[in-house]
Protein backbone atom coordinates (compact mmCIF):
# COMPACT_ATOMS: atom_id res chain seq x y z
CA MET A 1 103.64 95.28 125.24
CA PRO A 2 103.26 97.53 122.47
CA GLU A 3 105.38 100.98 123.09
CA TYR A 4 104.73 104.35 122.03
CA ARG A 5 107.61 107.30 121.73
CA ILE A 6 106.40 110.78 121.36
CA SER A 7 109.15 113.55 120.81
CA VAL A 8 108.15 117.88 120.86
CA ASP A 9 109.78 119.69 117.65
CA GLY A 10 110.17 123.85 118.41
CA ASN A 11 112.93 125.63 120.32
CA SER A 12 111.39 124.79 123.67
CA SER A 13 110.98 121.19 122.98
CA GLY A 14 113.30 120.08 126.39
CA ARG A 15 110.18 122.36 128.71
CA ASP A 16 107.35 121.26 126.37
CA LEU A 17 108.25 117.59 126.79
CA ARG A 18 108.72 117.43 130.07
CA GLN A 19 105.47 119.18 130.77
CA LEU A 20 103.38 116.86 128.29
CA THR A 21 105.12 113.96 130.25
CA GLN A 22 103.44 115.80 133.16
CA TRP A 23 100.11 116.02 131.39
CA LEU A 24 100.23 112.51 130.82
CA ARG A 25 100.95 110.96 133.60
CA GLN A 26 97.58 113.27 135.59
CA ASP A 27 95.36 111.74 133.25
CA THR A 28 93.76 108.89 134.49
CA THR A 29 93.30 106.83 131.52
CA ILE A 30 96.51 107.26 130.42
CA ARG A 31 98.78 106.34 133.67
CA THR A 32 96.52 103.61 134.14
CA GLY A 33 97.54 102.35 130.69
CA ALA A 34 100.77 102.99 130.42
CA THR A 35 103.80 103.09 132.24
CA ILE A 36 105.31 106.67 131.28
CA THR A 37 108.80 107.39 130.53
CA LEU A 38 111.45 109.96 129.53
CA ARG A 39 114.32 108.10 127.05
CA PRO A 40 117.15 109.45 125.31
CA ALA A 41 116.22 109.69 121.27
CA HIS A 42 117.64 107.55 119.41
CA PRO A 43 119.55 109.57 116.65
CA ALA A 44 118.66 109.68 112.83
CA GLU A 45 120.56 108.31 110.85
CA GLY A 46 124.50 109.77 109.99
CA GLN A 47 123.39 112.24 112.75
CA MET A 48 125.50 111.73 116.28
CA GLY A 49 123.66 111.20 119.85
CA ALA A 50 121.41 113.69 120.72
CA ALA A 51 120.45 115.64 123.89
CA LEU A 52 117.08 115.00 123.07
CA ASP A 53 114.48 112.75 124.97
CA VAL A 54 111.14 110.67 124.29
CA ILE A 55 107.95 110.00 125.96
CA ALA A 56 108.03 106.13 125.76
CA LEU A 57 104.81 104.75 126.83
CA VAL A 58 104.73 100.44 127.32
CA THR A 59 101.01 99.96 127.21
CA GLN A 60 99.04 97.26 128.55
CA SER A 61 96.17 95.38 126.90
CA GLY A 62 93.35 97.59 126.26
CA PHE A 63 95.35 101.06 126.12
CA SER A 64 92.97 103.32 123.41
CA THR A 65 95.50 104.73 121.32
CA ALA A 66 91.98 107.73 120.84
CA SER A 67 92.33 108.47 124.04
CA LEU A 68 96.51 108.87 124.45
CA ALA A 69 95.31 111.17 120.68
CA LEU A 70 92.47 113.45 122.57
CA THR A 71 95.18 113.77 125.60
CA ILE A 72 98.06 115.06 123.30
CA CYS A 73 95.64 117.68 121.33
CA ALA A 74 94.12 118.63 124.67
CA TRP A 75 97.76 119.83 125.98
CA ARG A 76 98.59 121.77 122.40
CA ARG A 77 95.97 123.60 122.90
CA THR A 78 96.96 124.87 126.15
CA ARG A 79 100.15 125.67 124.68
CA PRO A 80 100.96 129.39 123.89
CA SER A 81 102.92 127.94 120.43
CA THR A 82 101.14 124.62 119.80
CA PRO A 83 104.32 122.70 119.55
CA VAL A 84 103.95 119.59 117.09
CA VAL A 85 104.03 116.45 118.38
CA THR A 86 105.49 113.24 116.53
CA ILE A 87 103.61 109.64 117.95
CA GLU A 88 105.86 106.65 116.38
CA ARG A 89 104.44 103.23 117.33
CA ASN A 90 106.00 100.30 115.56
CA GLY A 91 107.88 102.39 113.24
CA VAL A 92 104.78 104.24 111.94
CA ARG A 93 105.32 107.92 113.16
CA VAL A 94 102.57 110.13 112.75
CA THR A 95 102.90 114.40 113.01
CA VAL A 96 100.00 116.52 115.30
CA ASP A 97 100.51 120.01 113.50
CA SER A 98 97.33 120.84 113.89
CA GLY A 99 94.07 121.67 115.90
CA ASP A 100 92.30 119.77 113.36
CA PRO A 101 89.76 116.95 115.39
CA ASP A 102 90.04 115.15 112.26
CA ASP A 103 93.19 114.61 114.04
CA VAL A 104 92.44 111.98 116.76
CA THR A 105 90.92 109.85 113.90
CA ARG A 106 93.82 110.30 111.42
CA ILE A 107 96.21 109.13 114.54
CA VAL A 108 94.31 106.03 115.22
CA ARG A 109 94.28 105.10 111.46
CA ALA A 110 97.83 105.40 111.68
CA LEU A 111 98.96 104.16 114.86
CA GLU A 112 96.56 100.54 114.81
CA SER A 113 96.99 99.92 111.49
CA GLU A 114 99.92 97.13 111.48
């Protein structure tokens, strides 16, 4: 099954990550199409392990990457500091760092290209 890994950057990334997890779990479309868990992040090459977590979404068939992108963009708009969110799938990493509606299209194209 496909898996998305989502991380949040910034000074309050741990709190933001937990809040984004809760936001995703409250979204009916996301919740019914994926199992949502917090997992330890894999350290970058040459770094020791970190306490940071990532959100892992193990998706079912028919899961909509567009719905995920829209949900994350909507969540970012509710944050006072609009944290940077990184989504990874099959080794492809996409950064969500603006409020541009074209981000959704860019995210979907990048994550669904195989």
